[in-house]
C-alpha cells in the first residue's frame, strides 16, 4: 500500500517516512490512544512513497512486546470507496438541481413501490414536507373519488414494470384539488 519495501520502513517512525498528509493527525492519534487505549475505524490520509494520497480506515491499539510499548495499526485503503461516494453525492445533487428546476412535478419510487423522492414543485404544490410525502404519504393527497383507480393503475404498472399514464386530482397546498 505504501510503495515502500520492508527495509525502507523497519526502524523508521511514521514522521521520518513522511506518511502523514497532515503530521498533526499523528499527534491527535497518539493523544486519543493515550486516553482510550485503542481506536476503531478512524479515517486518515496517508502519503505513499510516490507522493500520492490515499484514504485509510484504521484501527489501532497499544501493546507491549518484550517490554517495549508498541502500536499495532490495521488499515484498509478506502480511497476508491470515498471517491465513489463523493461522485454519487455529486450526481444526486445534479439530479436534484435538475428535478427541482424542471417546470413539472416529479417523484421516484423504490422497489417496494414507496416514494423515495419528490421534487420541489411537488412539495410546493402540495405544501407538504418531503418526510410526509415519502413512502405512501404522497397518496394521501389524492382525491377520494380517484384514490382506488389511481393506486390500482400505479401498482399494476409497477408490478408489470410498464409505463403508465393516469389523470387524478391532487390536493393543493390551499386545500383545493387540481387535475
Protein backbone atom coordinates (compact mmCIF):
# COMPACT_ATOMS: atom_id res chain seq x y z
CA UNK A 1 0.00 0.00 0.00
CA UNK A 2 2.78 2.45 0.84
CA UNK A 3 5.05 1.57 -2.08
CA UNK A 4 7.94 1.08 0.38
CA UNK A 5 9.91 -2.09 0.98
CA UNK A 6 10.18 -3.65 4.44
CA UNK A 7 13.77 -2.46 4.65
CA UNK A 8 12.74 1.13 3.95
CA UNK A 9 10.11 1.04 6.70
CA UNK A 10 11.52 -1.01 9.60
CA UNK A 11 13.36 1.11 12.13
CA UNK A 12 11.80 4.40 11.00
CA UNK A 13 9.00 6.39 12.53
CA UNK A 14 5.94 7.43 10.59
CA UNK A 15 7.19 11.02 10.74
CA UNK A 16 10.55 10.00 9.27
CA UNK A 17 8.74 8.17 6.49
CA UNK A 18 6.56 11.21 5.80
CA UNK A 19 3.38 9.14 5.53
CA UNK A 20 1.12 11.67 7.27
CA UNK A 21 -0.56 14.10 4.91
CA UNK A 22 -1.04 16.28 7.99
CA UNK A 23 1.55 15.42 10.69
CA UNK A 24 -0.73 16.89 13.39
CA UNK A 25 -3.03 13.90 12.77
CA UNK A 26 -0.32 11.71 14.27
CA UNK A 27 -0.32 13.85 17.42
CA UNK A 28 -4.12 13.63 17.63
CA UNK A 29 -3.95 9.86 17.15
CA UNK A 30 -1.39 9.45 19.94
CA UNK A 31 -3.44 11.63 22.32
CA UNK A 32 -6.64 9.68 21.60
CA UNK A 33 -4.80 6.38 22.10
CA UNK A 34 -3.45 7.56 25.47
CA UNK A 35 -6.98 8.49 26.55
CA UNK A 36 -8.86 5.48 25.16
CA UNK A 37 -6.26 2.71 24.87
CA UNK A 38 -7.49 1.78 21.39
CA UNK A 39 -9.22 3.32 18.40
CA UNK A 40 -11.61 1.71 15.96
CA UNK A 41 -12.45 2.87 12.45
CA UNK A 42 -10.76 6.24 12.33
CA UNK A 43 -10.09 7.83 8.97
CA UNK A 44 -6.78 9.36 7.95
CA UNK A 45 -4.97 10.45 4.82
CA UNK A 46 -1.78 8.55 4.05
CA UNK A 47 1.06 9.61 1.75
CA UNK A 48 2.60 6.82 -0.35
CA UNK A 49 6.22 6.65 -1.47
CA UNK A 50 5.31 8.21 -4.84
CA UNK A 51 3.61 11.13 -3.06
CA UNK A 52 0.01 10.17 -3.82
CA UNK A 53 -2.55 10.48 -1.04
CA UNK A 54 -4.73 7.53 -0.02
CA UNK A 55 -7.66 7.49 2.44
CA UNK A 56 -7.36 4.85 5.15
CA UNK A 57 -9.84 3.42 7.62
CA UNK A 58 -7.79 2.22 10.55
CA UNK A 59 -7.95 0.71 13.99
CA UNK A 60 -5.10 1.00 16.48
CA UNK A 61 -4.12 -0.41 19.85
CA UNK A 62 -1.12 -0.05 22.09
CA UNK A 63 0.53 -3.23 23.30
CA UNK A 64 3.73 -4.36 24.97
CA UNK A 65 6.23 -6.62 23.17
CA UNK A 66 9.37 -7.77 25.02
CA UNK A 67 8.97 -4.94 27.50
CA UNK A 68 8.66 -2.30 24.81
CA UNK A 69 5.45 -0.33 24.18
CA UNK A 70 4.35 -0.75 20.59
CA UNK A 71 1.49 0.39 18.43
CA UNK A 72 -0.48 -2.05 16.30
CA UNK A 73 -2.38 -0.40 13.44
CA UNK A 74 -4.58 -2.21 10.93
CA UNK A 75 -5.75 -0.18 7.93
CA UNK A 76 -7.89 -0.61 4.86
CA UNK A 77 -7.49 1.58 1.80
CA UNK A 78 -10.88 3.23 1.24
CA UNK A 79 -9.73 5.74 -1.37
CA UNK A 80 -11.89 4.33 -4.18
CA UNK A 81 -14.94 3.93 -1.92
CA UNK A 82 -14.68 7.53 -0.72
CA UNK A 83 -14.29 8.75 -4.33
CA UNK A 84 -17.32 6.69 -5.41
CA UNK A 85 -19.40 8.08 -2.52
CA UNK A 86 -18.37 11.63 -3.46
CA UNK A 87 -19.24 11.01 -7.13
CA UNK A 88 -22.63 9.62 -6.07
CA UNK A 89 -23.34 12.67 -3.87
CA UNK A 90 -22.41 14.99 -6.74
CA UNK A 91 -24.61 13.02 -9.15
CA UNK A 92 -27.52 13.13 -6.71
CA UNK A 93 -27.01 16.87 -6.26
CA UNK A 94 -27.03 17.40 -10.04
CA UNK A 95 -30.20 15.32 -10.36
CA UNK A 96 -31.93 17.17 -7.52
CA UNK A 97 -30.97 20.51 -9.03
CA UNK A 98 -32.32 19.45 -12.43
CA UNK A 99 -35.52 17.97 -10.97
CA UNK A 100 -36.14 20.95 -8.71
CA UNK A 101 -35.84 23.43 -11.57
CA UNK A 102 -37.98 21.43 -14.04
CA UNK A 103 -41.42 23.00 -14.60
CA UNK A 104 -43.29 19.83 -13.59
CA UNK A 105 -43.85 17.60 -10.58
CA UNK A 106 -41.51 14.60 -10.30
CA UNK A 107 -41.49 11.68 -7.89
CA UNK A 108 -39.44 8.50 -7.69
CA UNK A 109 -40.36 5.14 -6.17
CA UNK A 110 -38.26 2.38 -4.71
CA UNK A 111 -38.63 -1.35 -5.28
CA UNK A 112 -41.24 -1.51 -2.51
CA UNK A 113 -43.46 0.90 -4.52
CA UNK A 114 -42.95 3.55 -1.83
CA UNK A 115 -42.00 7.05 -2.86
CA UNK A 116 -38.33 7.86 -2.20
CA UNK A 117 -38.07 11.35 -3.72
CA UNK A 118 -40.32 14.25 -4.71
CA UNK A 119 -39.10 17.41 -6.36
CA UNK A 120 -39.59 20.97 -5.17
CA UNK A 121 -42.56 21.57 -7.48
CA UNK A 122 -44.44 18.64 -5.91
CA UNK A 123 -43.69 19.86 -2.40
CA UNK A 124 -44.60 23.46 -3.26
CA UNK A 125 -47.84 22.36 -4.94
CA UNK A 126 -48.95 20.17 -2.03
CA UNK A 127 -47.48 22.39 0.70
CA UNK A 128 -46.23 19.24 2.41
CA UNK A 129 -42.77 18.27 3.66
CA UNK A 130 -40.62 15.65 1.96
CA UNK A 131 -40.92 13.41 5.04
CA UNK A 132 -44.72 13.49 4.98
CA UNK A 133 -44.82 12.51 1.30
CA UNK A 134 -42.31 9.62 1.36
CA UNK A 135 -43.46 6.01 1.28
CA UNK A 136 -47.18 6.10 0.60
CA UNK A 137 -47.61 9.60 2.06
CA UNK A 138 -47.91 11.12 -1.41
CA UNK A 139 -51.16 9.16 -1.97
CA UNK A 140 -52.89 10.87 0.97
CA UNK A 141 -53.33 13.93 -1.27
CA UNK A 142 -55.26 12.04 -3.97
CA UNK A 143 -58.95 12.92 -4.25
CA UNK A 144 -61.08 10.20 -2.57
CA UNK A 145 -63.01 9.54 -5.81
CA UNK A 146 -59.73 8.92 -7.70
CA UNK A 147 -57.83 7.09 -4.97
CA UNK A 148 -58.59 3.41 -5.72
CA UNK A 149 -58.29 3.80 -9.50
CA UNK A 150 -55.08 5.76 -9.16
CA UNK A 151 -53.36 3.26 -6.88
CA UNK A 152 -54.59 0.30 -8.95
CA UNK A 153 -53.14 1.85 -12.11
CA UNK A 154 -49.87 2.61 -10.38
CA UNK A 155 -49.46 -0.77 -8.63
CA UNK A 156 -50.43 -2.77 -11.75
CA UNK A 157 -47.96 -0.90 -13.95
CA UNK A 158 -45.30 -1.11 -11.27
CA UNK A 159 -45.69 -4.89 -10.89
CA UNK A 160 -45.56 -5.37 -14.67
CA UNK A 161 -42.69 -2.87 -14.99
CA UNK A 162 -44.56 -0.97 -17.68
CA UNK A 163 -45.07 2.71 -18.33
CA UNK A 164 -48.40 4.23 -17.40
CA UNK A 165 -50.41 7.40 -17.56
CA UNK A 166 -53.18 8.44 -15.24
CA UNK A 167 -55.19 11.54 -14.55
CA UNK A 168 -56.15 12.24 -10.97
CA UNK A 169 -56.91 15.10 -8.68
CA UNK A 170 -54.30 16.07 -6.13
CA UNK A 171 -54.88 18.33 -3.13
CA UNK A 172 -53.05 21.62 -3.47
CA UNK A 173 -51.46 23.48 -0.53
CA UNK A 174 -54.63 25.59 -0.13
CA UNK A 175 -56.87 22.51 0.15
CA UNK A 176 -58.30 22.67 -3.37
CA UNK A 177 -57.96 19.70 -5.69
CA UNK A 178 -56.37 20.14 -9.12
CA UNK A 179 -56.12 17.69 -12.02
